[in-house]
PDB file of N, CA and C in Angstrom:
ATOM      1  N   UNK A   1       1.332 -21.899  16.570  1.00  0.00           N
ATOM      2  CA  UNK A   1       2.521 -21.439  15.895  1.00  0.00           C
ATOM      3  C   UNK A   1       3.638 -22.448  16.104  1.00  0.00           C
ATOM      4  N   UNK A   2       4.367 -22.695  15.028  1.00  0.00           N
ATOM      5  CA  UNK A   2       5.452 -23.666  15.123  1.00  0.00           C
ATOM      6  C   UNK A   2       6.790 -22.949  15.084  1.00  0.00           C
ATOM      7  N   UNK A   3       7.743 -23.449  15.863  1.00  0.00           N
ATOM      8  CA  UNK A   3       9.036 -22.781  15.924  1.00  0.00           C
ATOM      9  C   UNK A   3      10.052 -23.702  16.562  1.00  0.00           C
ATOM     10  N   UNK A   4      11.190 -23.774  15.936  1.00  0.00           N
ATOM     11  CA  UNK A   4      12.290 -24.522  16.504  1.00  0.00           C
ATOM     12  C   UNK A   4      13.531 -23.667  16.387  1.00  0.00           C
ATOM     13  N   UNK A   5      14.223 -23.470  17.472  1.00  0.00           N
ATOM     14  CA  UNK A   5      15.468 -22.728  17.423  1.00  0.00           C
ATOM     15  C   UNK A   5      16.526 -23.656  16.832  1.00  0.00           C
ATOM     16  N   UNK A   6      17.171 -23.181  15.763  1.00  0.00           N
ATOM     17  CA  UNK A   6      18.291 -23.942  15.213  1.00  0.00           C
ATOM     18  C   UNK A   6      19.504 -23.027  15.150  1.00  0.00           C
ATOM     19  N   UNK A   7      20.661 -23.608  15.095  1.00  0.00           N
ATOM     20  CA  UNK A   7      21.890 -22.843  15.214  1.00  0.00           C
ATOM     21  C   UNK A   7      22.330 -22.171  13.922  1.00  0.00           C
ATOM     22  N   UNK A   8      21.646 -22.433  12.809  1.00  0.00           N
ATOM     23  CA  UNK A   8      22.092 -21.916  11.526  1.00  0.00           C
ATOM     24  C   UNK A   8      21.787 -20.430  11.330  1.00  0.00           C
ATOM     25  N   UNK A   9      20.769 -19.925  11.951  1.00  0.00           N
ATOM     26  CA  UNK A   9      20.372 -18.530  11.778  1.00  0.00           C
ATOM     27  C   UNK A   9      20.294 -17.850  13.137  1.00  0.00           C
ATOM     28  N   UNK A  10      20.498 -16.529  13.135  1.00  0.00           N
ATOM     29  CA  UNK A  10      20.323 -15.804  14.398  1.00  0.00           C
ATOM     30  C   UNK A  10      18.896 -15.971  14.913  1.00  0.00           C
ATOM     31  N   UNK A  11      18.749 -15.974  16.222  1.00  0.00           N
ATOM     32  CA  UNK A  11      17.433 -16.180  16.827  1.00  0.00           C
ATOM     33  C   UNK A  11      16.434 -15.129  16.372  1.00  0.00           C
ATOM     34  N   UNK A  12      16.866 -13.856  16.262  1.00  0.00           N
ATOM     35  CA  UNK A  12      15.926 -12.819  15.842  1.00  0.00           C
ATOM     36  C   UNK A  12      15.394 -13.106  14.431  1.00  0.00           C
ATOM     37  N   UNK A  13      16.242 -13.641  13.544  1.00  0.00           N
ATOM     38  CA  UNK A  13      15.798 -13.974  12.191  1.00  0.00           C
ATOM     39  C   UNK A  13      14.822 -15.147  12.227  1.00  0.00           C
ATOM     40  N   UNK A  14      15.062 -16.100  13.120  1.00  0.00           N
ATOM     41  CA  UNK A  14      14.160 -17.242  13.252  1.00  0.00           C
ATOM     42  C   UNK A  14      12.778 -16.804  13.727  1.00  0.00           C
ATOM     43  N   UNK A  15      12.740 -15.827  14.612  1.00  0.00           N
ATOM     44  CA  UNK A  15      11.447 -15.308  15.078  1.00  0.00           C
ATOM     45  C   UNK A  15      10.703 -14.665  13.922  1.00  0.00           C
ATOM     46  N   UNK A  16      11.409 -13.863  13.127  1.00  0.00           N
ATOM     47  CA  UNK A  16      10.785 -13.211  11.973  1.00  0.00           C
ATOM     48  C   UNK A  16      10.255 -14.265  11.000  1.00  0.00           C
ATOM     49  N   UNK A  17      11.042 -15.296  10.735  1.00  0.00           N
ATOM     50  CA  UNK A  17      10.614 -16.357   9.816  1.00  0.00           C
ATOM     51  C   UNK A  17       9.419 -17.109  10.381  1.00  0.00           C
ATOM     52  N   UNK A  18       9.413 -17.344  11.670  1.00  0.00           N
ATOM     53  CA  UNK A  18       8.279 -18.023  12.304  1.00  0.00           C
ATOM     54  C   UNK A  18       6.994 -17.240  12.074  1.00  0.00           C
ATOM     55  N   UNK A  19       7.040 -15.936  12.310  1.00  0.00           N
ATOM     56  CA  UNK A  19       5.850 -15.104  12.124  1.00  0.00           C
ATOM     57  C   UNK A  19       5.459 -15.085  10.643  1.00  0.00           C
ATOM     58  N   UNK A  20       6.448 -14.950   9.759  1.00  0.00           N
ATOM     59  CA  UNK A  20       6.159 -14.986   8.315  1.00  0.00           C
ATOM     60  C   UNK A  20       5.462 -16.287   7.934  1.00  0.00           C
ATOM     61  N   UNK A  21       5.988 -17.418   8.408  1.00  0.00           N
ATOM     62  CA  UNK A  21       5.386 -18.714   8.091  1.00  0.00           C
ATOM     63  C   UNK A  21       3.957 -18.797   8.605  1.00  0.00           C
ATOM     64  N   UNK A  22       3.724 -18.290   9.796  1.00  0.00           N
ATOM     65  CA  UNK A  22       2.370 -18.320  10.351  1.00  0.00           C
ATOM     66  C   UNK A  22       1.409 -17.453   9.536  1.00  0.00           C
ATOM     67  N   UNK A  23       1.915 -16.380   8.959  1.00  0.00           N
ATOM     68  CA  UNK A  23       1.079 -15.537   8.091  1.00  0.00           C
ATOM     69  C   UNK A  23       0.815 -16.265   6.777  1.00  0.00           C
ATOM     70  N   UNK A  24       1.856 -16.835   6.179  1.00  0.00           N
ATOM     71  CA  UNK A  24       1.690 -17.559   4.915  1.00  0.00           C
ATOM     72  C   UNK A  24       0.725 -18.728   5.083  1.00  0.00           C
ATOM     73  N   UNK A  25       0.832 -19.444   6.191  1.00  0.00           N
ATOM     74  CA  UNK A  25      -0.035 -20.605   6.451  1.00  0.00           C
ATOM     75  C   UNK A  25      -1.402 -20.191   6.988  1.00  0.00           C
ATOM     76  N   UNK A  26      -1.621 -18.904   7.114  1.00  0.00           N
ATOM     77  CA  UNK A  26      -2.880 -18.315   7.588  1.00  0.00           C
ATOM     78  C   UNK A  26      -3.238 -18.712   9.020  1.00  0.00           C
ATOM     79  N   UNK A  27      -2.208 -19.023   9.795  1.00  0.00           N
ATOM     80  CA  UNK A  27      -2.407 -19.170  11.232  1.00  0.00           C
ATOM     81  C   UNK A  27      -2.638 -17.773  11.814  1.00  0.00           C
ATOM     82  N   UNK A  28      -1.878 -16.819  11.281  1.00  0.00           N
ATOM     83  CA  UNK A  28      -2.092 -15.393  11.577  1.00  0.00           C
ATOM     84  C   UNK A  28      -2.663 -14.743  10.330  1.00  0.00           C
ATOM     85  N   UNK A  29      -3.759 -14.033  10.491  1.00  0.00           N
ATOM     86  CA  UNK A  29      -4.415 -13.359   9.368  1.00  0.00           C
ATOM     87  C   UNK A  29      -4.266 -11.849   9.506  1.00  0.00           C
ATOM     88  N   UNK A  30      -4.602 -11.135   8.438  1.00  0.00           N
ATOM     89  CA  UNK A  30      -4.549  -9.681   8.481  1.00  0.00           C
ATOM     90  C   UNK A  30      -5.305  -9.160   9.696  1.00  0.00           C
ATOM     91  N   UNK A  31      -4.681  -8.210  10.359  1.00  0.00           N
ATOM     92  CA  UNK A  31      -5.219  -7.547  11.547  1.00  0.00           C
ATOM     93  C   UNK A  31      -5.179  -8.396  12.811  1.00  0.00           C
ATOM     94  N   UNK A  32      -4.662  -9.631  12.733  1.00  0.00           N
ATOM     95  CA  UNK A  32      -4.464 -10.423  13.950  1.00  0.00           C
ATOM     96  C   UNK A  32      -3.300  -9.839  14.751  1.00  0.00           C
ATOM     97  N   UNK A  33      -3.415  -9.920  16.057  1.00  0.00           N
ATOM     98  CA  UNK A  33      -2.321  -9.485  16.919  1.00  0.00           C
ATOM     99  C   UNK A  33      -1.297 -10.606  17.014  1.00  0.00           C
ATOM    100  N   UNK A  34      -0.025 -10.241  16.934  1.00  0.00           N
ATOM    101  CA  UNK A  34       1.050 -11.222  17.081  1.00  0.00           C
ATOM    102  C   UNK A  34       1.542 -11.190  18.521  1.00  0.00           C
ATOM    103  N   UNK A  35       2.211 -12.260  18.958  1.00  0.00           N
ATOM    104  CA  UNK A  35       2.751 -12.240  20.325  1.00  0.00           C
ATOM    105  C   UNK A  35       3.680 -11.035  20.530  1.00  0.00           C
ATOM    106  N   UNK A  36       3.710 -10.560  21.738  1.00  0.00           N
ATOM    107  CA  UNK A  36       4.580  -9.428  22.060  1.00  0.00           C
ATOM    108  C   UNK A  36       6.031  -9.894  22.142  1.00  0.00           C
ATOM    109  N   UNK A  37       6.933  -8.943  22.099  1.00  0.00           N
ATOM    110  CA  UNK A  37       8.349  -9.291  22.244  1.00  0.00           C
ATOM    111  C   UNK A  37       8.600  -9.938  23.602  1.00  0.00           C
ATOM    112  N   UNK A  38       7.900  -9.482  24.626  1.00  0.00           N
ATOM    113  CA  UNK A  38       8.052 -10.088  25.951  1.00  0.00           C
ATOM    114  C   UNK A  38       7.532 -11.524  25.972  1.00  0.00           C
ATOM    115  N   UNK A  39       6.450 -11.786  25.242  1.00  0.00           N
ATOM    116  CA  UNK A  39       5.934 -13.151  25.161  1.00  0.00           C
ATOM    117  C   UNK A  39       6.936 -14.062  24.446  1.00  0.00           C
ATOM    118  N   UNK A  40       7.488 -13.578  23.326  1.00  0.00           N
ATOM    119  CA  UNK A  40       8.522 -14.356  22.629  1.00  0.00           C
ATOM    120  C   UNK A  40       9.702 -14.608  23.555  1.00  0.00           C
ATOM    121  N   UNK A  41      10.133 -13.558  24.239  1.00  0.00           N
ATOM    122  CA  UNK A  41      11.302 -13.658  25.117  1.00  0.00           C
ATOM    123  C   UNK A  41      11.068 -14.670  26.242  1.00  0.00           C
ATOM    124  N   UNK A  42       9.903 -14.602  26.849  1.00  0.00           N
ATOM    125  CA  UNK A  42       9.602 -15.517  27.950  1.00  0.00           C
ATOM    126  C   UNK A  42       9.468 -16.958  27.444  1.00  0.00           C
ATOM    127  N   UNK A  43       8.781 -17.133  26.340  1.00  0.00           N
ATOM    128  CA  UNK A  43       8.524 -18.478  25.822  1.00  0.00           C
ATOM    129  C   UNK A  43       9.816 -19.175  25.410  1.00  0.00           C
ATOM    130  N   UNK A  44      10.720 -18.444  24.756  1.00  0.00           N
ATOM    131  CA  UNK A  44      11.961 -19.043  24.252  1.00  0.00           C
ATOM    132  C   UNK A  44      13.172 -18.763  25.129  1.00  0.00           C
ATOM    133  N   UNK A  45      12.921 -18.118  26.270  1.00  0.00           N
ATOM    134  CA  UNK A  45      13.988 -17.821  27.219  1.00  0.00           C
ATOM    135  C   UNK A  45      15.135 -17.060  26.552  1.00  0.00           C
ATOM    136  N   UNK A  46      14.756 -15.968  25.880  1.00  0.00           N
ATOM    137  CA  UNK A  46      15.738 -15.118  25.203  1.00  0.00           C
ATOM    138  C   UNK A  46      15.572 -13.690  25.689  1.00  0.00           C
ATOM    139  N   UNK A  47      16.519 -12.859  25.345  1.00  0.00           N
ATOM    140  CA  UNK A  47      16.486 -11.453  25.705  1.00  0.00           C
ATOM    141  C   UNK A  47      15.359 -10.758  24.922  1.00  0.00           C
ATOM    142  N   UNK A  48      14.546  -9.926  25.571  1.00  0.00           N
ATOM    143  CA  UNK A  48      13.487  -9.203  24.853  1.00  0.00           C
ATOM    144  C   UNK A  48      14.015  -8.356  23.692  1.00  0.00           C
ATOM    145  N   UNK A  49      15.249  -7.853  23.807  1.00  0.00           N
ATOM    146  CA  UNK A  49      15.819  -7.065  22.704  1.00  0.00           C
ATOM    147  C   UNK A  49      16.026  -7.927  21.465  1.00  0.00           C
ATOM    148  N   UNK A  50      16.369  -9.190  21.667  1.00  0.00           N
ATOM    149  CA  UNK A  50      16.535 -10.117  20.543  1.00  0.00           C
ATOM    150  C   UNK A  50      15.190 -10.365  19.877  1.00  0.00           C
ATOM    151  N   UNK A  51      14.165 -10.592  20.673  1.00  0.00           N
ATOM    152  CA  UNK A  51      12.822 -10.796  20.131  1.00  0.00           C
ATOM    153  C   UNK A  51      12.352  -9.542  19.398  1.00  0.00           C
ATOM    154  N   UNK A  52      12.615  -8.391  19.976  1.00  0.00           N
ATOM    155  CA  UNK A  52      12.205  -7.123  19.351  1.00  0.00           C
ATOM    156  C   UNK A  52      12.884  -6.929  18.005  1.00  0.00           C
ATOM    157  N   UNK A  53      14.130  -7.343  17.907  1.00  0.00           N
ATOM    158  CA  UNK A  53      14.851  -7.204  16.640  1.00  0.00           C
ATOM    159  C   UNK A  53      14.163  -8.016  15.537  1.00  0.00           C
ATOM    160  N   UNK A  54      13.700  -9.210  15.866  1.00  0.00           N
ATOM    161  CA  UNK A  54      12.986 -10.033  14.897  1.00  0.00           C
ATOM    162  C   UNK A  54      11.664  -9.424  14.482  1.00  0.00           C
ATOM    163  N   UNK A  55      10.921  -8.936  15.454  1.00  0.00           N
ATOM    164  CA  UNK A  55       9.634  -8.309  15.161  1.00  0.00           C
ATOM    165  C   UNK A  55       9.847  -7.039  14.341  1.00  0.00           C
ATOM    166  N   UNK A  56      10.869  -6.259  14.691  1.00  0.00           N
ATOM    167  CA  UNK A  56      11.124  -5.015  13.974  1.00  0.00           C
ATOM    168  C   UNK A  56      11.542  -5.243  12.525  1.00  0.00           C
ATOM    169  N   UNK A  57      12.163  -6.391  12.229  1.00  0.00           N
ATOM    170  CA  UNK A  57      12.444  -6.723  10.831  1.00  0.00           C
ATOM    171  C   UNK A  57      11.158  -6.740  10.022  1.00  0.00           C
ATOM    172  N   UNK A  58      10.118  -7.299  10.610  1.00  0.00           N
ATOM    173  CA  UNK A  58       8.838  -7.404   9.913  1.00  0.00           C
ATOM    174  C   UNK A  58       8.110  -6.066   9.855  1.00  0.00           C
ATOM    175  N   UNK A  59       8.310  -5.246  10.853  1.00  0.00           N
ATOM    176  CA  UNK A  59       7.747  -3.883  10.812  1.00  0.00           C
ATOM    177  C   UNK A  59       8.408  -3.111   9.672  1.00  0.00           C
ATOM    178  N   UNK A  60       9.730  -3.229   9.574  1.00  0.00           N
ATOM    179  CA  UNK A  60      10.477  -2.533   8.521  1.00  0.00           C
ATOM    180  C   UNK A  60      10.047  -2.976   7.123  1.00  0.00           C
ATOM    181  N   UNK A  61       9.634  -4.242   6.989  1.00  0.00           N
ATOM    182  CA  UNK A  61       9.175  -4.769   5.699  1.00  0.00           C
ATOM    183  C   UNK A  61       7.701  -4.467   5.438  1.00  0.00           C
ATOM    184  N   UNK A  62       7.012  -3.863   6.406  1.00  0.00           N
ATOM    185  CA  UNK A  62       5.599  -3.562   6.235  1.00  0.00           C
ATOM    186  C   UNK A  62       4.691  -4.758   6.440  1.00  0.00           C
ATOM    187  N   UNK A  63       5.201  -5.806   7.063  1.00  0.00           N
ATOM    188  CA  UNK A  63       4.417  -7.019   7.319  1.00  0.00           C
ATOM    189  C   UNK A  63       3.619  -6.872   8.615  1.00  0.00           C
ATOM    190  N   UNK A  64       4.209  -6.212   9.595  1.00  0.00           N
ATOM    191  CA  UNK A  64       3.545  -5.924  10.866  1.00  0.00           C
ATOM    192  C   UNK A  64       3.489  -4.425  11.071  1.00  0.00           C
ATOM    193  N   UNK A  65       2.547  -4.004  11.877  1.00  0.00           N
ATOM    194  CA  UNK A  65       2.494  -2.597  12.281  1.00  0.00           C
ATOM    195  C   UNK A  65       2.107  -2.525  13.753  1.00  0.00           C
ATOM    196  N   UNK A  66       2.455  -1.424  14.355  1.00  0.00           N
ATOM    197  CA  UNK A  66       2.219  -1.256  15.783  1.00  0.00           C
ATOM    198  C   UNK A  66       0.992  -0.391  16.032  1.00  0.00           C
ATOM    199  N   UNK A  67       0.137  -0.862  16.938  1.00  0.00           N
ATOM    200  CA  UNK A  67      -0.949  -0.045  17.467  1.00  0.00           C
ATOM    201  C   UNK A  67      -0.461   0.424  18.826  1.00  0.00           C
ATOM    202  N   UNK A  68      -0.229   1.693  18.916  1.00  0.00           N
ATOM    203  CA  UNK A  68       0.369   2.258  20.120  1.00  0.00           C
ATOM    204  C   UNK A  68      -0.389   1.833  21.373  1.00  0.00           C
ATOM    205  N   UNK A  69       0.344   1.266  22.325  1.00  0.00           N
ATOM    206  CA  UNK A  69      -0.233   0.854  23.589  1.00  0.00           C
ATOM    207  C   UNK A  69      -0.973  -0.471  23.555  1.00  0.00           C
ATOM    208  N   UNK A  70      -1.086  -1.070  22.364  1.00  0.00           N
ATOM    209  CA  UNK A  70      -1.829  -2.327  22.243  1.00  0.00           C
ATOM    210  C   UNK A  70      -0.922  -3.483  21.835  1.00  0.00           C
ATOM    211  N   UNK A  71      -0.103  -3.271  20.802  1.00  0.00           N
ATOM    212  CA  UNK A  71       0.797  -4.319  20.345  1.00  0.00           C
ATOM    213  C   UNK A  71       1.007  -4.299  18.855  1.00  0.00           C
ATOM    214  N   UNK A  72       1.551  -5.394  18.350  1.00  0.00           N
ATOM    215  CA  UNK A  72       1.855  -5.554  16.927  1.00  0.00           C
ATOM    216  C   UNK A  72       0.768  -6.365  16.245  1.00  0.00           C
ATOM    217  N   UNK A  73       0.467  -5.974  15.004  1.00  0.00           N
ATOM    218  CA  UNK A  73      -0.596  -6.609  14.238  1.00  0.00           C
ATOM    219  C   UNK A  73      -0.120  -6.889  12.818  1.00  0.00           C
ATOM    220  N   UNK A  74      -0.763  -7.877  12.182  1.00  0.00           N
ATOM    221  CA  UNK A  74      -0.449  -8.225  10.800  1.00  0.00           C
ATOM    222  C   UNK A  74      -1.057  -7.165   9.892  1.00  0.00           C
ATOM    223  N   UNK A  75      -0.239  -6.628   9.014  1.00  0.00           N
ATOM    224  CA  UNK A  75      -0.674  -5.570   8.098  1.00  0.00           C
ATOM    225  C   UNK A  75      -1.534  -6.126   6.969  1.00  0.00           C
ATOM    226  N   UNK A  76      -2.380  -5.277   6.429  1.00  0.00           N
ATOM    227  CA  UNK A  76      -3.176  -5.643   5.260  1.00  0.00           C
ATOM    228  C   UNK A  76      -2.232  -5.955   4.102  1.00  0.00           C
ATOM    229  N   UNK A  77      -2.511  -7.028   3.376  1.00  0.00           N
ATOM    230  CA  UNK A  77      -1.692  -7.416   2.232  1.00  0.00           C
ATOM    231  C   UNK A  77      -0.392  -8.114   2.589  1.00  0.00           C
ATOM    232  N   UNK A  78      -0.175  -8.391   3.890  1.00  0.00           N
ATOM    233  CA  UNK A  78       1.084  -9.000   4.323  1.00  0.00           C
ATOM    234  C   UNK A  78       1.297 -10.367   3.685  1.00  0.00           C
ATOM    235  N   UNK A  79       0.269 -11.184   3.652  1.00  0.00           N
ATOM    236  CA  UNK A  79       0.418 -12.543   3.111  1.00  0.00           C
ATOM    237  C   UNK A  79       0.795 -12.502   1.635  1.00  0.00           C
ATOM    238  N   UNK A  80       0.122 -11.675   0.851  1.00  0.00           N
ATOM    239  CA  UNK A  80       0.442 -11.620  -0.583  1.00  0.00           C
ATOM    240  C   UNK A  80       1.860 -11.095  -0.812  1.00  0.00           C
ATOM    241  N   UNK A  81       2.301 -10.133  -0.013  1.00  0.00           N
ATOM    242  CA  UNK A  81       3.685  -9.637  -0.133  1.00  0.00           C
ATOM    243  C   UNK A  81       4.687 -10.734   0.220  1.00  0.00           C
ATOM    244  N   UNK A  82       4.396 -11.473   1.298  1.00  0.00           N
ATOM    245  CA  UNK A  82       5.291 -12.559   1.699  1.00  0.00           C
ATOM    246  C   UNK A  82       5.345 -13.660   0.638  1.00  0.00           C
ATOM    247  N   UNK A  83       4.191 -14.012   0.078  1.00  0.00           N
ATOM    248  CA  UNK A  83       4.168 -15.041  -0.960  1.00  0.00           C
ATOM    249  C   UNK A  83       4.989 -14.605  -2.164  1.00  0.00           C
ATOM    250  N   UNK A  84       4.854 -13.362  -2.568  1.00  0.00           N
ATOM    251  CA  UNK A  84       5.629 -12.855  -3.702  1.00  0.00           C
ATOM    252  C   UNK A  84       7.126 -12.896  -3.402  1.00  0.00           C
ATOM    253  N   UNK A  85       7.508 -12.466  -2.210  1.00  0.00           N
ATOM    254  CA  UNK A  85       8.926 -12.511  -1.807  1.00  0.00           C
ATOM    255  C   UNK A  85       9.449 -13.947  -1.789  1.00  0.00           C
ATOM    256  N   UNK A  86       8.661 -14.851  -1.232  1.00  0.00           N
ATOM    257  CA  UNK A  86       9.102 -16.246  -1.133  1.00  0.00           C
ATOM    258  C   UNK A  86       9.213 -16.889  -2.522  1.00  0.00           C
ATOM    259  N   UNK A  87       8.314 -16.529  -3.436  1.00  0.00           N
ATOM    260  CA  UNK A  87       8.403 -17.064  -4.799  1.00  0.00           C
ATOM    261  C   UNK A  87       9.689 -16.600  -5.473  1.00  0.00           C
ATOM    262  N   UNK A  88      10.045 -15.349  -5.266  1.00  0.00           N
ATOM    263  CA  UNK A  88      11.305 -14.832  -5.821  1.00  0.00           C
ATOM    264  C   UNK A  88      12.495 -15.570  -5.207  1.00  0.00           C
ATOM    265  N   UNK A  89      12.453 -15.773  -3.888  1.00  0.00           N
ATOM    266  CA  UNK A  89      13.531 -16.502  -3.212  1.00  0.00           C
ATOM    267  C   UNK A  89      13.617 -17.940  -3.735  1.00  0.00           C
ATOM    268  N   UNK A  90      12.470 -18.570  -3.930  1.00  0.00           N
ATOM    269  CA  UNK A  90      12.426 -19.942  -4.429  1.00  0.00           C
ATOM    270  C   UNK A  90      13.091 -20.022  -5.798  1.00  0.00           C
ATOM    271  N   UNK A  91      12.780 -19.067  -6.650  1.00  0.00           N
ATOM    272  CA  UNK A  91      13.376 -19.025  -7.986  1.00  0.00           C
ATOM    273  C   UNK A  91      14.891 -18.881  -7.895  1.00  0.00           C
ATOM    274  N   UNK A  92      15.342 -17.934  -7.070  1.00  0.00           N
ATOM    275  CA  UNK A  92      16.774 -17.672  -6.944  1.00  0.00           C
ATOM    276  C   UNK A  92      17.529 -18.816  -6.272  1.00  0.00           C
ATOM    277  N   UNK A  93      16.955 -19.401  -5.227  1.00  0.00           N
ATOM    278  CA  UNK A  93      17.659 -20.411  -4.434  1.00  0.00           C
ATOM    279  C   UNK A  93      17.551 -21.824  -4.992  1.00  0.00           C
ATOM    280  N   UNK A  94      16.460 -22.117  -5.704  1.00  0.00           N
ATOM    281  CA  UNK A  94      16.234 -23.495  -6.121  1.00  0.00           C
ATOM    282  C   UNK A  94      16.116 -23.668  -7.638  1.00  0.00           C
ATOM    283  N   UNK A  95      15.239 -22.891  -8.267  1.00  0.00           N
ATOM    284  CA  UNK A  95      14.962 -23.117  -9.683  1.00  0.00           C
ATOM    285  C   UNK A  95      16.170 -22.784 -10.553  1.00  0.00           C
ATOM    286  N   UNK A  96      16.711 -21.590 -10.407  1.00  0.00           N
ATOM    287  CA  UNK A  96      17.846 -21.206 -11.253  1.00  0.00           C
ATOM    288  C   UNK A  96      19.051 -22.129 -11.059  1.00  0.00           C
ATOM    289  N   UNK A  97      19.452 -22.415  -9.810  1.00  0.00           N
ATOM    290  CA  UNK A  97      20.575 -23.354  -9.649  1.00  0.00           C
ATOM    291  C   UNK A  97      20.271 -24.753 -10.219  1.00  0.00           C
ATOM    292  N   UNK A  98      19.029 -25.214 -10.076  1.00  0.00           N
ATOM    293  CA  UNK A  98      18.660 -26.523 -10.603  1.00  0.00           C
ATOM    294  C   UNK A  98      18.778 -26.535 -12.123  1.00  0.00           C
ATOM    295  N   UNK A  99      18.295 -25.482 -12.769  1.00  0.00           N
ATOM    296  CA  UNK A  99      18.371 -25.420 -14.222  1.00  0.00           C
ATOM    297  C   UNK A  99      19.812 -25.282 -14.708  1.00  0.00           C
ATOM    298  N   UNK A 100      20.630 -24.562 -13.973  1.00  0.00           N
ATOM    299  CA  UNK A 100      22.049 -24.451 -14.330  1.00  0.00           C
ATOM    300  C   UNK A 100      22.730 -25.813 -14.237  1.00  0.00           C
ATOM    301  N   UNK A 101      22.445 -26.551 -13.177  1.00  0.00           N
ATOM    302  CA  UNK A 101      23.028 -27.885 -13.013  1.00  0.00           C
ATOM    303  C   UNK A 101      22.503 -28.828 -14.093  1.00  0.00           C
ATOM    304  N   UNK A 102      21.222 -28.741 -14.396  1.00  0.00           N
ATOM    305  CA  UNK A 102      20.639 -29.581 -15.451  1.00  0.00           C
ATOM    306  C   UNK A 102      21.328 -29.311 -16.787  1.00  0.00           C
ATOM    307  N   UNK A 103      21.579 -28.049 -17.092  1.00  0.00           N
ATOM    308  CA  UNK A 103      22.249 -27.701 -18.348  1.00  0.00           C
ATOM    309  C   UNK A 103      23.654 -28.296 -18.397  1.00  0.00           C
ATOM    310  N   UNK A 104      24.368 -28.246 -17.265  1.00  0.00           N
ATOM    311  CA  UNK A 104      25.714 -28.838 -17.205  1.00  0.00           C
ATOM    312  C   UNK A 104      25.673 -30.333 -17.499  1.00  0.00           C
ATOM    313  N   UNK A 105      24.592 -30.979 -17.048  1.00  0.00           N
ATOM    314  CA  UNK A 105      24.456 -32.427 -17.202  1.00  0.00           C
ATOM    315  C   UNK A 105      23.794 -32.829 -18.518  1.00  0.00           C
ATOM    316  N   UNK A 106      23.418 -31.836 -19.310  1.00  0.00           N
ATOM    317  CA  UNK A 106      22.764 -32.126 -20.578  1.00  0.00           C
ATOM    318  C   UNK A 106      21.308 -32.524 -20.428  1.00  0.00           C
ATOM    319  N   UNK A 107      20.687 -32.140 -19.329  1.00  0.00           N
ATOM    320  CA  UNK A 107      19.284 -32.450 -19.096  1.00  0.00           C
ATOM    321  C   UNK A 107      18.456 -31.280 -19.635  1.00  0.00           C
ATOM    322  N   UNK A 108      17.525 -31.577 -20.531  1.00  0.00           N
ATOM    323  CA  UNK A 108      16.691 -30.527 -21.119  1.00  0.00           C
ATOM    324  C   UNK A 108      15.627 -30.070 -20.127  1.00  0.00           C
ATOM    325  N   UNK A 109      15.028 -28.911 -20.407  1.00  0.00           N
ATOM    326  CA  UNK A 109      13.966 -28.425 -19.533  1.00  0.00           C
ATOM    327  C   UNK A 109      12.780 -29.386 -19.533  1.00  0.00           C
ATOM    328  N   UNK A 110      12.517 -30.018 -20.674  1.00  0.00           N
ATOM    329  CA  UNK A 110      11.449 -31.020 -20.742  1.00  0.00           C
ATOM    330  C   UNK A 110      11.738 -32.211 -19.840  1.00  0.00           C
ATOM    331  N   UNK A 111      12.998 -32.627 -19.809  1.00  0.00           N
ATOM    332  CA  UNK A 111      13.384 -33.735 -18.937  1.00  0.00           C
ATOM    333  C   UNK A 111      13.295 -33.331 -17.470  1.00  0.00           C
ATOM    334  N   UNK A 112      13.638 -32.086 -17.166  1.00  0.00           N
ATOM    335  CA  UNK A 112      13.495 -31.587 -15.790  1.00  0.00           C
ATOM    336  C   UNK A 112      12.032 -31.638 -15.378  1.00  0.00           C
ATOM    337  N   UNK A 113      11.163 -31.185 -16.261  1.00  0.00           N
ATOM    338  CA  UNK A 113       9.723 -31.195 -15.961  1.00  0.00           C
ATOM    339  C   UNK A 113       9.261 -32.634 -15.704  1.00  0.00           C
ATOM    340  N   UNK A 114       9.727 -33.562 -16.510  1.00  0.00           N
ATOM    341  CA  UNK A 114       9.337 -34.963 -16.321  1.00  0.00           C
ATOM    342  C   UNK A 114       9.861 -35.498 -14.987  1.00  0.00           C
ATOM    343  N   UNK A 115      11.081 -35.119 -14.615  1.00  0.00           N
ATOM    344  CA  UNK A 115      11.617 -35.531 -13.318  1.00  0.00           C
ATOM    345  C   UNK A 115      10.774 -34.978 -12.173  1.00  0.00           C
ATOM    346  N   UNK A 116      10.335 -33.745 -12.305  1.00  0.00           N
ATOM    347  CA  UNK A 116       9.480 -33.140 -11.278  1.00  0.00           C
ATOM    348  C   UNK A 116       8.158 -33.883 -11.197  1.00  0.00           C
ATOM    349  N   UNK A 117       7.583 -34.195 -12.347  1.00  0.00           N
ATOM    350  CA  UNK A 117       6.309 -34.933 -12.355  1.00  0.00           C
ATOM    351  C   UNK A 117       6.470 -36.308 -11.714  1.00  0.00           C
ATOM    352  N   UNK A 118       7.576 -36.978 -12.006  1.00  0.00           N
ATOM    353  CA  UNK A 118       7.826 -38.276 -11.376  1.00  0.00           C
ATOM    354  C   UNK A 118       7.921 -38.117  -9.856  1.00  0.00           C
ATOM    355  N   UNK A 119       8.586 -37.072  -9.414  1.00  0.00           N
ATOM    356  CA  UNK A 119       8.693 -36.810  -7.991  1.00  0.00           C
ATOM    357  C   UNK A 119       7.353 -36.567  -7.332  1.00  0.00           C
ATOM    358  N   UNK A 120       6.470 -35.873  -8.050  1.00  0.00           N
ATOM    359  CA  UNK A 120       5.121 -35.615  -7.519  1.00  0.00           C
ATOM    360  C   UNK A 120       4.337 -36.913  -7.380  1.00  0.00           C
ATOM    361  N   UNK A 121       4.584 -37.858  -8.285  1.00  0.00           N
ATOM    362  CA  UNK A 121       3.873 -39.148  -8.254  1.00  0.00           C
ATOM    363  C   UNK A 121       4.536 -40.131  -7.297  1.00  0.00           C
ATOM    364  N   UNK A 122       5.673 -39.737  -6.741  1.00  0.00           N
ATOM    365  CA  UNK A 122       6.364 -40.605  -5.797  1.00  0.00           C
ATOM    366  C   UNK A 122       7.153 -41.717  -6.447  1.00  0.00           C
ATOM    367  N   UNK A 123       7.539 -41.521  -7.685  1.00  0.00           N
ATOM    368  CA  UNK A 123       8.283 -42.581  -8.419  1.00  0.00           C
ATOM    369  C   UNK A 123       9.770 -42.408  -8.247  1.00  0.00           C
TER     370      UNK A 123
END
């Protein structure tokens, strides 16, 4: 699992994003157990309540579920739900603003597509 604490987001949100990324990248699969809040707290030297807040965000979204007395696990369908959410976020955060800026500059959608293709080819 990869994780870097950065100052831009609250630590609990970073923990949630870390787990989400690990699910999307299939490091964690459906029914896999995720680290406990105490493990997160010890590893990153943070308060267990902060770690729990991050994990509980994912429980609230239906991405994780608790097996009483055992721990937290990845829910069935979690990856597909996360991918759908991330695609919507990508559209809102990147595609729509890019197209709005392109329109301001007089760049057609065809020209945007060509710019993307050039970027893929490394030109």
